[in-house]
C-alpha atoms as a PDB file:
ATOM      1  CA  MET A   1      90.107 105.246 130.556  1.00  0.00           C
ATOM      2  CA  SER A   2      93.263 106.363 129.076  1.00  0.00           C
ATOM      3  CA  ASN A   3      93.035 109.383 126.455  1.00  0.00           C
ATOM      4  CA  GLN A   4      94.928 106.753 124.016  1.00  0.00           C
ATOM      5  CA  TYR A   5      91.552 105.247 123.539  1.00  0.00           C
ATOM      6  CA  PRO A   6      88.502 106.843 121.269  1.00  0.00           C
ATOM      7  CA  GLU A   7      85.804 108.762 122.973  1.00  0.00           C
ATOM      8  CA  ILE A   8      83.221 106.122 121.436  1.00  0.00           C
ATOM      9  CA  SER A   9      83.433 102.676 119.580  1.00  0.00           C
ATOM     10  CA  PHE A  10      80.234 101.920 117.567  1.00  0.00           C
ATOM     11  CA  VAL A  11      79.933  98.134 117.900  1.00  0.00           C
ATOM     12  CA  SER A  12      77.210  97.154 114.815  1.00  0.00           C
ATOM     13  CA  PRO A  13      76.520  93.177 113.801  1.00  0.00           C
ATOM     14  CA  VAL A  14      76.141  92.873 110.271  1.00  0.00           C
ATOM     15  CA  TYR A  15      73.851  90.537 108.322  1.00  0.00           C
ATOM     16  CA  ARG A  16      72.878  90.820 104.776  1.00  0.00           C
ATOM     17  CA  ALA A  17      73.948  94.361 104.906  1.00  0.00           C
ATOM     18  CA  GLU A  18      75.763  94.998 101.740  1.00  0.00           C
ATOM     19  CA  ASN A  19      74.125  97.747 100.456  1.00  0.00           C
ATOM     20  CA  MET A  20      73.533  99.268 103.902  1.00  0.00           C
ATOM     21  CA  LEU A  21      76.837  99.471 105.108  1.00  0.00           C
ATOM     22  CA  PRO A  22      78.534 102.299 103.329  1.00  0.00           C
ATOM     23  CA  GLU A  23      75.646 104.858 104.027  1.00  0.00           C
ATOM     24  CA  LEU A  24      75.856 103.625 107.886  1.00  0.00           C
ATOM     25  CA  VAL A  25      79.596 104.760 107.780  1.00  0.00           C
ATOM     26  CA  SER A  26      78.833 107.750 106.420  1.00  0.00           C
ATOM     27  CA  GLU A  27      76.044 108.826 108.748  1.00  0.00           C
ATOM     28  CA  ILE A  28      78.162 107.798 111.810  1.00  0.00           C
ATOM     29  CA  GLN A  29      81.049 110.240 110.314  1.00  0.00           C
ATOM     30  CA  LYS A  30      78.808 112.968 110.046  1.00  0.00           C
ATOM     31  CA  VAL A  31      77.702 112.801 113.397  1.00  0.00           C
ATOM     32  CA  MET A  32      81.312 112.254 114.969  1.00  0.00           C
ATOM     33  CA  VAL A  33      82.448 115.271 113.220  1.00  0.00           C
ATOM     34  CA  LYS A  34      79.713 117.513 114.594  1.00  0.00           C
ATOM     35  CA  LEU A  35      80.551 115.779 118.262  1.00  0.00           C
ATOM     36  CA  ASN A  36      84.205 116.736 117.218  1.00  0.00           C
ATOM     37  CA  LYS A  37      84.916 113.695 119.372  1.00  0.00           C
ATOM     38  CA  SER A  38      87.353 110.656 118.526  1.00  0.00           C
ATOM     39  CA  TYR A  39      85.816 107.328 117.250  1.00  0.00           C
ATOM     40  CA  GLU A  40      85.931 103.739 115.686  1.00  0.00           C
ATOM     41  CA  ILE A  41      83.554 101.723 114.279  1.00  0.00           C
ATOM     42  CA  ILE A  42      83.565  97.705 114.808  1.00  0.00           C
ATOM     43  CA  LEU A  43      81.638  96.106 111.937  1.00  0.00           C
ATOM     44  CA  VAL A  44      81.137  92.360 112.937  1.00  0.00           C
ATOM     45  CA  ASP A  45      80.265  90.218 110.054  1.00  0.00           C
ATOM     46  CA  ASP A  46      77.863  87.455 111.484  1.00  0.00           C
ATOM     47  CA  ARG A  47      79.156  84.997 108.196  1.00  0.00           C
ATOM     48  CA  SER A  48      76.600  86.924 105.993  1.00  0.00           C
ATOM     49  CA  PRO A  49      75.994  84.985 102.915  1.00  0.00           C
ATOM     50  CA  ASP A  50      75.633  87.861 100.541  1.00  0.00           C
ATOM     51  CA  ASP A  51      78.858  90.654  99.808  1.00  0.00           C
ATOM     52  CA  SER A  52      78.808  92.391 103.520  1.00  0.00           C
ATOM     53  CA  TRP A  53      82.401  91.265 104.420  1.00  0.00           C
ATOM     54  CA  LEU A  54      83.782  92.621 100.847  1.00  0.00           C
ATOM     55  CA  VAL A  55      82.078  95.956 101.205  1.00  0.00           C
ATOM     56  CA  MET A  56      83.420  96.095 105.064  1.00  0.00           C
ATOM     57  CA  LYS A  57      87.166  95.367 103.989  1.00  0.00           C
ATOM     58  CA  SER A  58      86.669  98.158 101.233  1.00  0.00           C
ATOM     59  CA  LEU A  59      85.304 100.471 103.961  1.00  0.00           C
ATOM     60  CA  SER A  60      88.362  99.267 106.270  1.00  0.00           C
ATOM     61  CA  SER A  61      90.807 100.558 103.587  1.00  0.00           C
ATOM     62  CA  LYS A  62      89.581 103.832 102.972  1.00  0.00           C
ATOM     63  CA  PHE A  63      88.867 104.579 106.456  1.00  0.00           C
ATOM     64  CA  PRO A  64      91.497 103.364 109.464  1.00  0.00           C
ATOM     65  CA  GLU A  65      88.524 104.062 112.194  1.00  0.00           C
ATOM     66  CA  VAL A  66      86.447 101.352 110.525  1.00  0.00           C
ATOM     67  CA  LYS A  67      87.443  98.025 112.166  1.00  0.00           C
ATOM     68  CA  SER A  68      86.028  94.784 110.542  1.00  0.00           C
ATOM     69  CA  ILE A  69      85.572  91.422 111.985  1.00  0.00           C
ATOM     70  CA  ARG A  70      84.378  88.333 110.846  1.00  0.00           C
ATOM     71  CA  LEU A  71      83.408  85.283 112.832  1.00  0.00           C
ATOM     72  CA  SER A  72      84.238  81.279 111.573  1.00  0.00           C
ATOM     73  CA  ARG A  73      80.683  80.941 111.028  1.00  0.00           C
ATOM     74  CA  ASN A  74      76.925  82.526 111.972  1.00  0.00           C
ATOM     75  CA  PHE A  75      76.534  82.272 115.358  1.00  0.00           C
ATOM     76  CA  GLY A  76      73.301  84.447 115.767  1.00  0.00           C
ATOM     77  CA  GLN A  77      73.010  88.524 116.838  1.00  0.00           C
ATOM     78  CA  HIS A  78      73.724  88.729 120.051  1.00  0.00           C
ATOM     79  CA  PRO A  79      77.095  86.395 120.136  1.00  0.00           C
ATOM     80  CA  THR A  80      78.104  89.012 117.469  1.00  0.00           C
ATOM     81  CA  ILE A  81      77.431  91.822 119.171  1.00  0.00           C
ATOM     82  CA  MET A  82      79.560  90.196 122.447  1.00  0.00           C
ATOM     83  CA  ALA A  83      82.388  89.708 119.668  1.00  0.00           C
ATOM     84  CA  GLY A  84      82.190  93.259 118.786  1.00  0.00           C
ATOM     85  CA  LEU A  85      82.086  94.728 122.671  1.00  0.00           C
ATOM     86  CA  SER A  86      85.105  92.515 123.268  1.00  0.00           C
ATOM     87  CA  GLN A  87      87.202  94.973 120.590  1.00  0.00           C
ATOM     88  CA  ALA A  88      85.534  98.037 121.935  1.00  0.00           C
ATOM     89  CA  LYS A  89      88.219 100.670 123.254  1.00  0.00           C
ATOM     90  CA  GLY A  90      85.908 103.610 123.551  1.00  0.00           C
ATOM     91  CA  ASN A  91      85.182 105.311 126.808  1.00  0.00           C
ATOM     92  CA  TRP A  92      81.541 105.199 125.398  1.00  0.00           C
ATOM     93  CA  VAL A  93      80.304 102.600 123.439  1.00  0.00           C
ATOM     94  CA  VAL A  94      77.258 102.785 121.361  1.00  0.00           C
ATOM     95  CA  VAL A  95      75.409  99.580 120.276  1.00  0.00           C
ATOM     96  CA  MET A  96      73.200  99.751 116.805  1.00  0.00           C
ATOM     97  CA  ASP A  97      71.655  97.671 114.290  1.00  0.00           C
ATOM     98  CA  CYS A  98      73.545  98.007 110.734  1.00  0.00           C
ATOM     99  CA  ASP A  99      70.322  98.201 108.925  1.00  0.00           C
ATOM    100  CA  LEU A 100      69.972 102.057 109.587  1.00  0.00           C
ATOM    101  CA  GLN A 101      66.545 101.648 111.603  1.00  0.00           C
ATOM    102  CA  ASP A 102      68.546 103.007 114.469  1.00  0.00           C
ATOM    103  CA  GLN A 103      69.607 106.392 113.231  1.00  0.00           C
ATOM    104  CA  PRO A 104      73.243 107.363 113.956  1.00  0.00           C
ATOM    105  CA  LYS A 105      72.273 111.107 113.984  1.00  0.00           C
ATOM    106  CA  GLU A 106      70.283 109.919 117.443  1.00  0.00           C
ATOM    107  CA  VAL A 107      73.787 109.449 119.027  1.00  0.00           C
ATOM    108  CA  GLU A 108      74.374 112.777 119.369  1.00  0.00           C
ATOM    109  CA  LYS A 109      71.362 113.234 121.836  1.00  0.00           C
ATOM    110  CA  LEU A 110      72.113 110.141 123.521  1.00  0.00           C
ATOM    111  CA  TYR A 111      76.021 111.226 124.079  1.00  0.00           C
ATOM    112  CA  ASN A 112      74.721 114.546 125.564  1.00  0.00           C
ATOM    113  CA  LYS A 113      72.119 112.975 128.020  1.00  0.00           C
ATOM    114  CA  ALA A 114      74.972 110.199 129.109  1.00  0.00           C
ATOM    115  CA  LEU A 115      76.989 113.733 129.818  1.00  0.00           C
ATOM    116  CA  GLU A 116      74.706 114.539 132.368  1.00  0.00           C
ATOM    117  CA  GLY A 117      75.871 111.591 134.964  1.00  0.00           C
ATOM    118  CA  PHE A 118      74.278 108.298 133.174  1.00  0.00           C
ATOM    119  CA  ASP A 119      76.219 105.121 132.658  1.00  0.00           C
ATOM    120  CA  ALA A 120      73.928 104.274 130.246  1.00  0.00           C
ATOM    121  CA  VAL A 121      71.403 105.580 127.954  1.00  0.00           C
ATOM    122  CA  LEU A 122      68.736 103.462 126.313  1.00  0.00           C
ATOM    123  CA  ALA A 123      67.035 104.856 122.895  1.00  0.00           C
ATOM    124  CA  GLN A 124      63.451 103.999 123.425  1.00  0.00           C
ATOM    125  CA  ARG A 125      61.784 103.482 119.722  1.00  0.00           C
ATOM    126  CA  LYS A 126      58.713 105.986 120.218  1.00  0.00           C
ATOM    127  CA  ASP A 127      57.330 105.084 116.949  1.00  0.00           C
ATOM    128  CA  ARG A 128      58.607 102.106 115.748  1.00  0.00           C
ATOM    129  CA  LYS A 129      58.695 101.588 111.629  1.00  0.00           C
ATOM    130  CA  ASP A 130      58.443  97.828 111.696  1.00  0.00           C
ATOM    131  CA  SER A 131      55.826  95.719 110.412  1.00  0.00           C
ATOM    132  CA  PHE A 132      52.582  94.949 112.293  1.00  0.00           C
ATOM    133  CA  PHE A 133      54.150  91.200 112.953  1.00  0.00           C
ATOM    134  CA  LYS A 134      57.156  92.092 114.592  1.00  0.00           C
ATOM    135  CA  LYS A 135      55.425  94.924 116.725  1.00  0.00           C
ATOM    136  CA  LEU A 136      52.915  92.169 117.787  1.00  0.00           C
ATOM    137  CA  SER A 137      55.434  89.852 118.522  1.00  0.00           C
ATOM    138  CA  SER A 138      57.763  91.887 120.466  1.00  0.00           C
ATOM    139  CA  LYS A 139      54.599  93.045 122.448  1.00  0.00           C
ATOM    140  CA  ILE A 140      53.776  89.223 123.087  1.00  0.00           C
ATOM    141  CA  TYR A 141      57.342  88.653 124.032  1.00  0.00           C
ATOM    142  CA  ALA A 142      57.338  91.574 126.488  1.00  0.00           C
ATOM    143  CA  LYS A 143      54.258  90.174 127.919  1.00  0.00           C
ATOM    144  CA  ILE A 144      55.647  86.816 128.268  1.00  0.00           C
ATOM    145  CA  TYR A 145      59.108  87.498 129.271  1.00  0.00           C
ATOM    146  CA  GLY A 146      57.783  90.174 131.872  1.00  0.00           C
ATOM    147  CA  TYR A 147      55.770  87.413 133.759  1.00  0.00           C
ATOM    148  CA  PHE A 148      57.935  84.559 133.692  1.00  0.00           C
ATOM    149  CA  THR A 149      60.637  86.645 135.563  1.00  0.00           C
ATOM    150  CA  ASN A 150      58.566  89.430 137.314  1.00  0.00           C
ATOM    151  CA  THR A 151      59.840  92.268 136.025  1.00  0.00           C
ATOM    152  CA  ASN A 152      58.889  95.040 133.393  1.00  0.00           C
ATOM    153  CA  TYR A 153      60.462  94.565 129.934  1.00  0.00           C
ATOM    154  CA  ASP A 154      59.914  97.641 127.478  1.00  0.00           C
ATOM    155  CA  TYR A 155      59.430  96.277 124.055  1.00  0.00           C
ATOM    156  CA  THR A 156      59.880  99.720 122.670  1.00  0.00           C
ATOM    157  CA  VAL A 157      64.098  99.620 123.769  1.00  0.00           C
ATOM    158  CA  ALA A 158      65.967  97.023 121.944  1.00  0.00           C
ATOM    159  CA  ASN A 159      70.120  97.115 121.532  1.00  0.00           C
ATOM    160  CA  PHE A 160      70.221 100.463 120.501  1.00  0.00           C
ATOM    161  CA  GLY A 161      71.936 103.136 123.295  1.00  0.00           C
ATOM    162  CA  ILE A 162      75.180 104.132 124.295  1.00  0.00           C
ATOM    163  CA  TYR A 163      77.083 102.456 127.585  1.00  0.00           C
ATOM    164  CA  LYS A 164      79.849 103.451 129.675  1.00  0.00           C
ATOM    165  CA  HIS A 165      83.030 101.362 129.058  1.00  0.00           C
ATOM    166  CA  LYS A 166      82.398  99.707 132.685  1.00  0.00           C
ATOM    167  CA  VAL A 167      79.121  98.915 131.965  1.00  0.00           C
ATOM    168  CA  ILE A 168      80.399  96.920 128.887  1.00  0.00           C
ATOM    169  CA  ALA A 169      83.061  95.414 130.721  1.00  0.00           C
ATOM    170  CA  SER A 170      80.563  94.091 133.201  1.00  0.00           C
ATOM    171  CA  VAL A 171      78.369  92.918 130.632  1.00  0.00           C
ATOM    172  CA  LEU A 172      81.177  90.877 129.010  1.00  0.00           C
ATOM    173  CA  GLU A 173      81.525  89.125 132.234  1.00  0.00           C
ATOM    174  CA  VAL A 174      78.240  87.674 132.456  1.00  0.00           C
ATOM    175  CA  ASN A 175      79.367  84.051 131.359  1.00  0.00           C
ATOM    176  CA  ASP A 176      75.531  82.537 130.604  1.00  0.00           C
ATOM    177  CA  TYR A 177      75.854  80.671 127.629  1.00  0.00           C
ATOM    178  CA  ILE A 178      72.590  82.181 126.080  1.00  0.00           C
ATOM    179  CA  LYS A 179      73.509  85.406 124.725  1.00  0.00           C
ATOM    180  CA  TYR A 180      70.821  88.447 124.857  1.00  0.00           C
ATOM    181  CA  PHE A 181      72.287  92.122 125.441  1.00  0.00           C
ATOM    182  CA  PRO A 182      69.464  93.874 126.516  1.00  0.00           C
ATOM    183  CA  LEU A 183      68.534  91.596 129.195  1.00  0.00           C
ATOM    184  CA  PHE A 184      72.358  91.622 130.284  1.00  0.00           C
ATOM    185  CA  VAL A 185      72.470  95.418 130.213  1.00  0.00           C
ATOM    186  CA  LYS A 186      69.234  95.460 132.703  1.00  0.00           C
ATOM    187  CA  PHE A 187      70.897  92.530 134.606  1.00  0.00           C
ATOM    188  CA  VAL A 188      74.170  94.593 135.516  1.00  0.00           C
ATOM    189  CA  GLY A 189      72.500  97.673 136.391  1.00  0.00           C
ATOM    190  CA  PHE A 190      74.156 100.459 136.886  1.00  0.00           C
ATOM    191  CA  HIS A 191      72.913 104.601 136.353  1.00  0.00           C
ATOM    192  CA  THR A 192      70.660 104.030 133.461  1.00  0.00           C
ATOM    193  CA  THR A 193      68.045 106.161 131.964  1.00  0.00           C
ATOM    194  CA  VAL A 194      65.529 105.986 128.859  1.00  0.00           C
ATOM    195  CA  ILE A 195      65.178 108.996 126.055  1.00  0.00           C
ATOM    196  CA  GLN A 196      62.944 108.554 122.879  1.00  0.00           C
ATOM    197  CA  VAL A 197      64.533 108.838 119.440  1.00  0.00           C
ATOM    198  CA  GLU A 198      63.109 108.631 116.145  1.00  0.00           C
ATOM    199  CA  HIS A 199      63.348 105.395 114.542  1.00  0.00           C
ATOM    200  CA  ASN A 200      63.491 104.553 110.745  1.00  0.00           C
ATOM    201  CA  SER A 201      62.187 102.065 108.587  1.00  0.00           C
ATOM    202  CA  ARG A 202      64.196  99.420 107.112  1.00  0.00           C
ATOM    203  CA  GLU A 203      65.800 100.779 103.973  1.00  0.00           C
ATOM    204  CA  ASP A 204      66.993  97.593 102.282  1.00  0.00           C
ATOM    205  CA  GLY A 205      66.050  93.942 102.908  1.00  0.00           C
ATOM    206  CA  LYS A 206      63.824  92.340 105.202  1.00  0.00           C
ATOM    207  CA  SER A 207      64.880  91.344 108.746  1.00  0.00           C
ATOM    208  CA  SER A 208      66.808  88.183 109.350  1.00  0.00           C
ATOM    209  CA  TYR A 209      64.508  86.958 112.077  1.00  0.00           C
ATOM    210  CA  SER A 210      62.177  84.294 110.653  1.00  0.00           C
ATOM    211  CA  ILE A 211      59.005  83.523 113.013  1.00  0.00           C
ATOM    212  CA  THR A 212      61.156  80.207 114.242  1.00  0.00           C
ATOM    213  CA  ALA A 213      64.060  82.391 115.054  1.00  0.00           C
ATOM    214  CA  LEU A 214      62.065  84.799 116.851  1.00  0.00           C
ATOM    215  CA  ILE A 215      60.108  81.830 118.976  1.00  0.00           C
ATOM    216  CA  SER A 216      63.461  80.453 119.551  1.00  0.00           C
ATOM    217  CA  LEU A 217      65.090  83.256 120.781  1.00  0.00           C
ATOM    218  CA  ALA A 218      62.147  84.266 122.816  1.00  0.00           C
ATOM    219  CA  PHE A 219      62.200  80.556 124.525  1.00  0.00           C
ATOM    220  CA  ASN A 220      66.031  80.495 125.240  1.00  0.00           C
ATOM    221  CA  THR A 221      66.165  83.683 126.932  1.00  0.00           C
ATOM    222  CA  ILE A 222      62.972  83.072 129.014  1.00  0.00           C
ATOM    223  CA  ILE A 223      64.768  79.764 130.047  1.00  0.00           C
ATOM    224  CA  SER A 224      68.121  81.236 130.656  1.00  0.00           C
ATOM    225  CA  PHE A 225      66.616  84.033 133.000  1.00  0.00           C
ATOM    226  CA  SER A 226      63.764  82.119 134.579  1.00  0.00           C
ATOM    227  CA  ASN A 227      63.102  78.882 136.183  1.00  0.00           C
ATOM    228  CA  LYS A 228      59.404  80.132 136.703  1.00  0.00           C
ATOM    229  CA  PRO A 229      58.048  77.503 134.246  1.00  0.00           C
ATOM    230  CA  LEU A 230      59.413  74.844 136.579  1.00  0.00           C
ATOM    231  CA  LYS A 231      57.660  76.501 139.745  1.00  0.00           C
ATOM    232  CA  LEU A 232      54.330  76.629 137.858  1.00  0.00           C
ATOM    233  CA  PHE A 233      54.569  72.901 136.917  1.00  0.00           C
ATOM    234  CA  VAL A 234      55.259  72.164 140.587  1.00  0.00           C
ATOM    235  CA  LYS A 235      52.093  74.323 141.700  1.00  0.00           C
ATOM    236  CA  PHE A 236      50.356  72.419 138.820  1.00  0.00           C
ATOM    237  CA  GLY A 237      51.492  69.000 139.863  1.00  0.00           C
ATOM    238  CA  MET A 238      50.246  69.886 143.538  1.00  0.00           C
ATOM    239  CA  LEU A 239      46.935  71.413 142.248  1.00  0.00           C
ATOM    240  CA  ILE A 240      46.525  67.925 140.244  1.00  0.00           C
ATOM    241  CA  SER A 241      47.291  65.513 143.310  1.00  0.00           C
ATOM    242  CA  LEU A 242      44.751  67.850 145.624  1.00  0.00           C
ATOM    243  CA  ILE A 243      42.076  67.155 142.956  1.00  0.00           C
ATOM    244  CA  SER A 244      42.751  63.385 142.611  1.00  0.00           C
ATOM    245  CA  PHE A 245      43.024  63.395 146.532  1.00  0.00           C
ATOM    246  CA  ILE A 246      39.701  65.082 146.543  1.00  0.00           C
ATOM    247  CA  SER A 247      38.160  62.706 144.016  1.00  0.00           C
ATOM    248  CA  GLY A 248      39.685  59.343 145.892  1.00  0.00           C
ATOM    249  CA  VAL A 249      38.020  60.239 149.123  1.00  0.00           C
ATOM    250  CA  PHE A 250      34.411  60.820 147.013  1.00  0.00           C
ATOM    251  CA  THR A 251      34.805  57.844 145.185  1.00  0.00           C
ATOM    252  CA  ILE A 252      35.887  55.770 148.787  1.00  0.00           C
ATOM    253  CA  TYR A 253      32.950  57.241 150.164  1.00  0.00           C
ATOM    254  CA  LYS A 254      30.510  56.463 147.492  1.00  0.00           C
ATOM    255  CA  TYR A 255      31.755  52.977 147.606  1.00  0.00           C
ATOM    256  CA  PHE A 256      30.942  52.767 151.014  1.00  0.00           C
ATOM    257  CA  ARG A 257      27.262  53.914 150.656  1.00  0.00           C
ATOM    258  CA  GLY A 258      26.876  51.459 147.932  1.00  0.00           C
ATOM    259  CA  GLU A 259      26.293  53.599 145.293  1.00  0.00           C
ATOM    260  CA  ILE A 260      29.286  52.382 142.864  1.00  0.00           C
ATOM    261  CA  GLU A 261      28.941  48.669 141.641  1.00  0.00           C
ATOM    262  CA  VAL A 262      31.016  48.899 138.438  1.00  0.00           C
ATOM    263  CA  LEU A 263      34.075  51.200 138.483  1.00  0.00           C
ATOM    264  CA  GLY A 264      34.153  53.518 135.006  1.00  0.00           C
ATOM    265  CA  TYR A 265      36.077  52.393 132.191  1.00  0.00           C
ATOM    266  CA  SER A 266      36.086  55.713 130.592  1.00  0.00           C
ATOM    267  CA  SER A 267      37.313  57.530 133.468  1.00  0.00           C
ATOM    268  CA  LEU A 268      39.866  55.704 134.414  1.00  0.00           C
ATOM    269  CA  ILE A 269      41.158  55.834 130.926  1.00  0.00           C
ATOM    270  CA  VAL A 270      40.996  59.576 130.466  1.00  0.00           C
ATOM    271  CA  SER A 271      42.584  59.839 134.046  1.00  0.00           C
ATOM    272  CA  ILE A 272      45.812  57.899 132.815  1.00  0.00           C
ATOM    273  CA  TRP A 273      46.101  59.685 129.605  1.00  0.00           C
ATOM    274  CA  PHE A 274      45.857  62.737 131.332  1.00  0.00           C
ATOM    275  CA  LEU A 275      48.445  62.186 134.295  1.00  0.00           C
ATOM    276  CA  SER A 276      50.561  60.648 131.845  1.00  0.00           C
ATOM    277  CA  GLY A 277      50.615  63.852 129.496  1.00  0.00           C
ATOM    278  CA  VAL A 278      51.319  65.916 132.957  1.00  0.00           C
ATOM    279  CA  ILE A 279      54.310  63.799 133.952  1.00  0.00           C
ATOM    280  CA  ILE A 280      55.713  63.510 130.228  1.00  0.00           C
ATOM    281  CA  THR A 281      55.452  67.442 130.122  1.00  0.00           C
ATOM    282  CA  ILE A 282      56.737  68.050 133.425  1.00  0.00           C
ATOM    283  CA  ILE A 283      59.857  65.406 132.401  1.00  0.00           C
ATOM    284  CA  GLY A 284      60.252  67.481 129.275  1.00  0.00           C
ATOM    285  CA  VAL A 285      60.491  70.606 130.700  1.00  0.00           C
ATOM    286  CA  THR A 286      63.111  69.420 133.671  1.00  0.00           C
ATOM    287  CA  GLY A 287      65.101  67.949 130.683  1.00  0.00           C
ATOM    288  CA  ILE A 288      65.380  71.727 128.602  1.00  0.00           C
ATOM    289  CA  TYR A 289      66.749  73.157 132.045  1.00  0.00           C
ATOM    290  CA  VAL A 290      69.158  69.950 132.265  1.00  0.00           C
ATOM    291  CA  GLY A 291      70.366  70.377 128.935  1.00  0.00           C
ATOM    292  CA  LYS A 292      70.575  74.319 129.081  1.00  0.00           C
ATOM    293  CA  ILE A 293      72.841  73.444 132.164  1.00  0.00           C
ATOM    294  CA  PHE A 294      74.925  70.752 130.094  1.00  0.00           C
ATOM    295  CA  ASN A 295      75.559  73.334 127.374  1.00  0.00           C
ATOM    296  CA  GLN A 296      76.573  75.887 130.170  1.00  0.00           C
ATOM    297  CA  ILE A 297      79.071  73.753 131.724  1.00  0.00           C
ATOM    298  CA  LYS A 298      80.764  72.616 128.499  1.00  0.00           C
ATOM    299  CA  ASN A 299      82.139  76.214 128.315  1.00  0.00           C
ATOM    300  CA  ARG A 300      82.596  76.349 124.745  1.00  0.00           C
ATOM    301  CA  PRO A 301      83.051  79.761 122.951  1.00  0.00           C
ATOM    302  CA  VAL A 302      80.093  81.433 121.961  1.00  0.00           C
ATOM    303  CA  TYR A 303      81.672  82.915 118.838  1.00  0.00           C
ATOM    304  CA  ILE A 304      85.111  82.424 117.260  1.00  0.00           C
ATOM    305  CA  ILE A 305      86.826  85.108 115.520  1.00  0.00           C
ATOM    306  CA  ASP A 306      87.925  84.480 112.017  1.00  0.00           C
ATOM    307  CA  LYS A 307      89.132  87.539 110.414  1.00  0.00           C
ATOM    308  CA  THR A 308      90.174  91.197 111.409  1.00  0.00           C
ATOM    309  CA  ILE A 309      91.189  94.233 109.954  1.00  0.00           C
ATOM    310  CA  ASN A 310      92.257  97.417 111.484  1.00  0.00           C
ATOM    311  CA  VAL A 311      92.019  95.740 114.804  1.00  0.00           C
ATOM    312  CA  LYS A 312      95.011  95.899 117.003  1.00  0.00           C
END
């Protein structure tokens, strides 16, 4: 890219972070003074219900390198990241959360590693400072996602990392309606490596992801990136058909031997309820995929920018 662009763009989605934003910006500035490189900080407000936008406006008025974007409503973390990436002009782009669990001081390590010839360097949290539930849910999700997509998914790697501009450009070209940044990075490929970084505990507030939101995110990403549930139900249906066929042949055999005088009412009712449940479940799963296709072909924007500050 041209030298008129900054060397590094920082992109951070903002939600319930009014008390953390000044320190986030300050820590990034310290790192960039040490690296002596040009930079920009892109903060994207996912219509946070607190005063995050007011803090962002104040920071942007003090520091021209801080660019603030506000979305028209709450779209979710990953569409918010995409909104920030769409405005990033740097030769390299750092994506990091705003809660300071991703430590800005680690960017120097990521950047130096990237200069060795990598297109993307992902941050692996060697000692996650998260709650037991969050770590457990991440492990479970990684196992489930890996099973349904036949891939190895590392739950210690999230959004934090440094990416060459061409990687980000390719990620933005992925037109999936359901956005999930780490999986998009994995999908586009390029010369990627992983290094360990220090992970910090959340200094203020708590995660905006509720149990329901985590389950919804996991479900949507699996459905978006895998058709294995459909294949499993096809196999399950074939297995049920095979069992039913064998059972039918055995029943006919017993009938001709005169061993069956009165057909069993209970077994008939159980079979009807069981097979009906299987059929309804299969139709439901198919319907979910059809619904996702419907959302995709509508081609609605996954985010809408309402206001910007210092963004040209």
